[in-house]
Amino acid sequence: MQTFPADFADLLNAKGKRLLRGKSPTVAESFQRSIPHYISLPGIFDPPVAQACIGVLDRQHYPELKNMTREIPRKAIWGMRKNYSDQMPKNMRMRTSYLTSRTEIKLGKRSGLLTMMQSQSFRRLAEALTGYRLLDDWDCQLICYTHGDYAGPHNDHHPEYKSIRNGFVDLHVMLANDAVSHQWLVYEDRGLMTKIQSINLNGAVSAYLLPFWHYTTPLTAKPGREARARRWLLLGSFEIDPPLARRPY
């Protein structure tokens, strides 16, 4: 595979196509019942297809990614004036492309990635997994985690935007190569960060109804394979139609 197909559905195996057609209604039911609303499903791409996707991303997108690093400010400790008043802003290290600049759009069209992520089947899969109707206009982002990369605790709440302040949907398509040992999503359950899910997956999909507290642990490579370890994330962020009138939980 030299480029991505124009239609996301063309990557899906039989399991993925059943999800897309809404033939697995218990998936959306499970998503709606979970608190917070999150679901992860492996194996929507066959392994050769997943590997081919990684190949396109490695060849065409990895050299053009921008580093995104936000360090913990020293004042988060030394600026404190009262015991147990700790406050840590979101910090992270990863590589990314928002697919919005002229150069990023040109590359995304040339590789087929942006066209594929903007195809209607990408949105329909998010609807099938969550049970929500989603607006036919969404943001796309490409993320790559390498050895030691992570995203610190955050909640993705946007109270200033009326259309998403009570919730929005993120769809993650995950593609990890065989040099990755582990990476985990840790997230909240009844006020405590006690849930954990492996995200070292290849050809998998997850859906979130945000906001809720979560973080991504540092990606850890298999010994001696640190330079090669990569986990790719194709991310779509969708507004719910109509916007939620109340908070989801």
Protein backbone atom coordinates (compact mmCIF):
# COMPACT_ATOMS: atom_id res chain seq x y z
CA MET A 1 0.00 0.00 0.00
CA GLN A 2 1.60 3.25 -1.16
CA THR A 3 -1.22 5.57 -0.04
CA PHE A 4 -4.34 5.34 2.13
CA PRO A 5 -7.67 4.56 0.44
CA ALA A 6 -10.10 7.44 -0.03
CA ASP A 7 -12.73 5.65 2.08
CA PHE A 8 -11.85 4.59 5.63
CA ALA A 9 -14.22 1.62 5.30
CA ASP A 10 -11.86 0.04 2.76
CA LEU A 11 -9.37 -0.68 5.57
CA LEU A 12 -11.87 -2.51 7.77
CA ASN A 13 -12.06 -6.27 8.12
CA ALA A 14 -15.31 -8.18 8.63
CA LYS A 15 -15.48 -7.22 12.32
CA GLY A 16 -14.91 -3.56 11.54
CA LYS A 17 -17.54 -3.56 8.79
CA ARG A 18 -20.12 -5.12 11.13
CA LEU A 19 -19.45 -2.30 13.58
CA LEU A 20 -19.76 0.27 10.80
CA ARG A 21 -23.11 -1.17 9.66
CA GLY A 22 -24.47 -1.05 13.20
CA LYS A 23 -24.66 -4.83 13.39
CA SER A 24 -23.16 -4.84 16.89
CA PRO A 25 -25.66 -2.72 18.89
CA THR A 26 -24.33 -3.98 22.22
CA VAL A 27 -21.16 -1.96 21.58
CA ALA A 28 -23.00 1.39 21.71
CA GLU A 29 -25.08 0.13 24.64
CA SER A 30 -21.90 -0.76 26.52
CA PHE A 31 -20.45 2.66 25.71
CA GLN A 32 -23.55 4.44 27.02
CA ARG A 33 -23.59 2.38 30.23
CA SER A 34 -19.92 2.89 31.08
CA ILE A 35 -18.95 5.65 33.50
CA PRO A 36 -17.12 7.51 32.15
CA HIS A 37 -18.18 6.75 28.60
CA TYR A 38 -15.25 4.94 26.96
CA ILE A 39 -14.79 1.81 24.87
CA SER A 40 -11.83 0.12 23.17
CA LEU A 41 -12.09 -2.58 20.51
CA PRO A 42 -9.11 -4.45 19.00
CA GLY A 43 -8.88 -6.07 15.60
CA ILE A 44 -10.86 -3.87 13.22
CA PHE A 45 -8.00 -4.12 10.66
CA ASP A 46 -6.39 -7.37 9.61
CA PRO A 47 -2.69 -7.47 10.64
CA PRO A 48 -1.28 -7.04 7.09
CA VAL A 49 -3.50 -3.98 6.58
CA ALA A 50 -2.44 -2.47 9.90
CA GLN A 51 1.22 -3.01 9.00
CA ALA A 52 0.68 -1.40 5.60
CA CYS A 53 -0.86 1.65 7.30
CA ILE A 54 2.16 1.95 9.58
CA GLY A 55 4.40 1.77 6.52
CA VAL A 56 2.68 4.75 4.86
CA LEU A 57 2.81 6.77 8.07
CA ASP A 58 6.48 5.96 8.64
CA ARG A 59 7.50 6.85 5.09
CA GLN A 60 5.39 9.90 4.40
CA HIS A 61 4.39 11.49 7.70
CA TYR A 62 6.97 10.74 10.38
CA PRO A 63 9.68 13.05 8.93
CA GLU A 64 7.22 15.97 8.82
CA LEU A 65 5.75 15.69 12.33
CA LYS A 66 6.22 18.55 14.76
CA ASN A 67 7.49 17.97 18.29
CA MET A 68 4.95 18.86 20.96
CA THR A 69 6.57 19.21 24.37
CA ARG A 70 5.11 20.93 27.42
CA GLU A 71 7.28 20.60 30.47
CA ILE A 72 6.17 20.79 34.10
CA PRO A 73 6.94 24.39 35.15
CA ARG A 74 9.31 24.71 38.10
CA LYS A 75 6.80 27.00 39.79
CA ALA A 76 4.43 24.01 40.05
CA ILE A 77 6.63 23.07 43.03
CA TRP A 78 8.68 26.08 44.01
CA GLY A 79 5.86 28.56 43.43
CA MET A 80 3.71 26.86 46.08
CA ARG A 81 3.12 28.87 49.25
CA LYS A 82 0.77 26.45 51.04
CA ASN A 83 1.08 22.74 51.84
CA TYR A 84 -0.97 20.42 49.58
CA SER A 85 -1.96 23.20 47.18
CA ASP A 86 -0.39 21.24 44.31
CA GLN A 87 -1.57 22.16 40.80
CA MET A 88 0.09 20.70 37.74
CA PRO A 89 -0.81 21.98 34.24
CA LYS A 90 -1.13 19.53 31.38
CA ASN A 91 2.31 18.37 30.30
CA MET A 92 3.28 16.05 27.47
CA ARG A 93 5.79 14.91 24.91
CA MET A 94 4.81 13.53 21.52
CA ARG A 95 4.96 14.27 17.81
CA THR A 96 1.93 15.52 15.97
CA SER A 97 0.28 17.07 12.94
CA TYR A 98 -3.07 18.86 13.12
CA LEU A 99 -3.45 18.49 9.34
CA THR A 100 -4.50 22.14 9.07
CA SER A 101 -1.53 24.09 7.68
CA ARG A 102 -1.04 24.34 3.92
CA THR A 103 1.93 21.98 4.06
CA GLU A 104 0.13 19.47 6.31
CA ILE A 105 -2.97 19.48 4.11
CA LYS A 106 -0.88 18.95 0.98
CA LEU A 107 0.95 16.03 2.58
CA GLY A 108 -2.30 14.60 3.99
CA LYS A 109 -3.86 14.67 0.53
CA ARG A 110 -0.77 13.17 -1.13
CA SER A 111 -0.63 10.24 1.30
CA GLY A 112 -4.42 9.89 1.27
CA LEU A 113 -4.54 10.16 5.08
CA LEU A 114 -6.55 13.38 5.31
CA THR A 115 -9.01 12.34 2.61
CA MET A 116 -9.55 9.02 4.38
CA MET A 117 -10.01 10.61 7.82
CA GLN A 118 -12.55 13.02 6.32
CA SER A 119 -14.55 10.24 4.66
CA GLN A 120 -18.08 9.65 5.88
CA SER A 121 -17.33 6.12 7.07
CA PHE A 122 -14.88 7.54 9.64
CA ARG A 123 -17.74 9.55 11.18
CA ARG A 124 -20.21 6.67 10.87
CA LEU A 125 -17.89 4.40 12.85
CA ALA A 126 -17.79 6.98 15.65
CA GLU A 127 -21.60 7.08 15.60
CA ALA A 128 -21.87 3.29 15.63
CA LEU A 129 -19.55 2.97 18.63
CA THR A 130 -21.16 5.73 20.71
CA GLY A 131 -24.83 5.78 19.72
CA TYR A 132 -24.68 9.55 19.16
CA ARG A 133 -25.50 11.47 16.01
CA LEU A 134 -22.44 13.54 15.13
CA LEU A 135 -22.04 16.69 13.06
CA ASP A 136 -20.78 16.25 9.52
CA ASP A 137 -17.69 18.39 10.18
CA TRP A 138 -14.87 17.34 12.46
CA ASP A 139 -11.25 17.97 13.38
CA CYS A 140 -8.48 15.54 12.47
CA GLN A 141 -5.11 15.06 14.13
CA LEU A 142 -2.20 12.67 13.67
CA ILE A 143 -0.12 11.75 16.74
CA CYS A 144 2.97 9.57 17.08
CA TYR A 145 4.29 8.35 20.44
CA THR A 146 7.91 7.18 20.56
CA HIS A 147 9.92 5.77 23.47
CA GLY A 148 9.23 7.88 26.57
CA ASP A 149 6.43 9.95 25.02
CA TYR A 150 3.29 10.50 27.07
CA ALA A 151 0.34 12.81 27.82
CA GLY A 152 -0.02 13.89 31.45
CA PRO A 153 -3.28 14.13 33.42
CA HIS A 154 -5.95 16.25 31.73
CA ASN A 155 -9.70 16.23 31.22
CA ASP A 156 -10.32 17.85 27.79
CA HIS A 157 -13.07 20.11 29.15
CA HIS A 158 -13.86 23.19 27.03
CA PRO A 159 -16.36 25.24 29.07
CA GLU A 160 -15.97 28.30 26.82
CA TYR A 161 -17.56 26.54 23.82
CA LYS A 162 -21.30 26.02 24.16
CA SER A 163 -21.47 23.31 21.50
CA ILE A 164 -19.10 20.95 23.37
CA ARG A 165 -19.11 22.11 26.99
CA ASN A 166 -21.32 19.18 28.03
CA GLY A 167 -19.51 16.59 25.97
CA PHE A 168 -17.95 15.67 22.63
CA VAL A 169 -16.72 12.45 21.02
CA ASP A 170 -13.14 11.48 20.22
CA LEU A 171 -12.41 8.54 17.92
CA HIS A 172 -8.92 6.99 18.14
CA VAL A 173 -7.57 4.55 15.56
CA MET A 174 -4.43 2.94 17.03
CA LEU A 175 -1.47 1.48 15.15
CA ALA A 176 1.49 0.29 17.26
CA ASN A 177 4.52 -1.47 15.83
CA ASP A 178 6.14 -4.59 17.26
CA ALA A 179 8.96 -2.65 18.98
CA VAL A 180 6.55 -1.28 21.60
CA SER A 181 6.52 -3.09 24.93
CA HIS A 182 3.64 -1.23 26.59
CA GLN A 183 1.66 1.96 26.95
CA TRP A 184 -1.42 2.44 29.11
CA LEU A 185 -4.43 4.72 29.42
CA VAL A 186 -5.27 5.48 33.06
CA TYR A 187 -8.63 7.12 33.72
CA GLU A 188 -11.10 8.01 36.40
CA ASP A 189 -13.77 5.87 38.03
CA ARG A 190 -16.03 7.49 40.64
CA GLY A 191 -13.52 10.18 41.46
CA LEU A 192 -10.42 7.94 41.59
CA MET A 193 -7.86 7.19 38.86
CA THR A 194 -8.35 3.43 39.14
CA LYS A 195 -9.13 2.26 35.59
CA ILE A 196 -6.35 1.17 33.26
CA GLN A 197 -6.44 -0.01 29.64
CA SER A 198 -3.63 -1.13 27.34
CA ILE A 199 -3.32 1.10 24.28
CA ASN A 200 -0.42 -0.84 22.82
CA LEU A 201 -2.73 -2.07 20.06
CA ASN A 202 -2.39 -2.43 16.32
CA GLY A 203 -5.48 -2.04 14.16
CA ALA A 204 -7.75 -1.09 17.07
CA VAL A 205 -10.28 1.66 17.72
CA SER A 206 -11.47 3.45 20.84
CA ALA A 207 -14.17 6.04 21.47
CA TYR A 208 -14.44 8.58 24.27
CA LEU A 209 -17.20 10.88 25.44
CA LEU A 210 -15.14 13.69 26.92
CA PRO A 211 -14.51 15.39 29.29
CA PHE A 212 -13.13 13.09 31.96
CA TRP A 213 -9.79 12.81 33.73
CA HIS A 214 -7.20 10.57 32.08
CA TYR A 215 -3.55 10.29 31.15
CA THR A 216 -1.33 8.25 28.85
CA THR A 217 1.72 6.60 30.42
CA PRO A 218 5.16 6.92 28.79
CA LEU A 219 5.52 4.57 25.86
CA THR A 220 8.08 1.89 26.70
CA ALA A 221 10.00 0.09 23.97
CA LYS A 222 11.22 -3.49 24.06
CA PRO A 223 14.86 -3.63 25.21
CA GLY A 224 17.26 -2.54 22.50
CA ARG A 225 14.47 -1.33 20.20
CA GLU A 226 13.96 2.16 21.60
CA ALA A 227 14.77 3.95 18.34
CA ARG A 228 12.17 2.00 16.36
CA ALA A 229 9.20 1.94 18.76
CA ARG A 230 6.22 3.97 17.54
CA ARG A 231 2.52 4.07 18.29
CA TRP A 232 0.44 6.00 15.79
CA LEU A 233 -2.90 7.55 16.61
CA LEU A 234 -5.44 8.78 14.05
CA LEU A 235 -7.71 11.12 15.98
CA GLY A 236 -11.09 12.57 15.04
CA SER A 237 -12.96 14.99 17.34
CA PHE A 238 -16.72 15.25 16.76
CA GLU A 239 -19.48 17.55 18.00
CA ILE A 240 -22.71 15.84 19.04
CA ASP A 241 -25.85 16.84 17.11
CA PRO A 242 -27.69 18.37 18.89
CA PRO A 243 -25.28 19.35 21.70
CA LEU A 244 -25.86 17.60 25.00
CA ALA A 245 -28.18 19.58 27.25
CA ARG A 246 -26.65 18.18 30.42
CA ARG A 247 -23.42 16.66 31.58
CA PRO A 248 -23.11 12.97 30.68
CA TYR A 249 -22.37 11.71 34.21
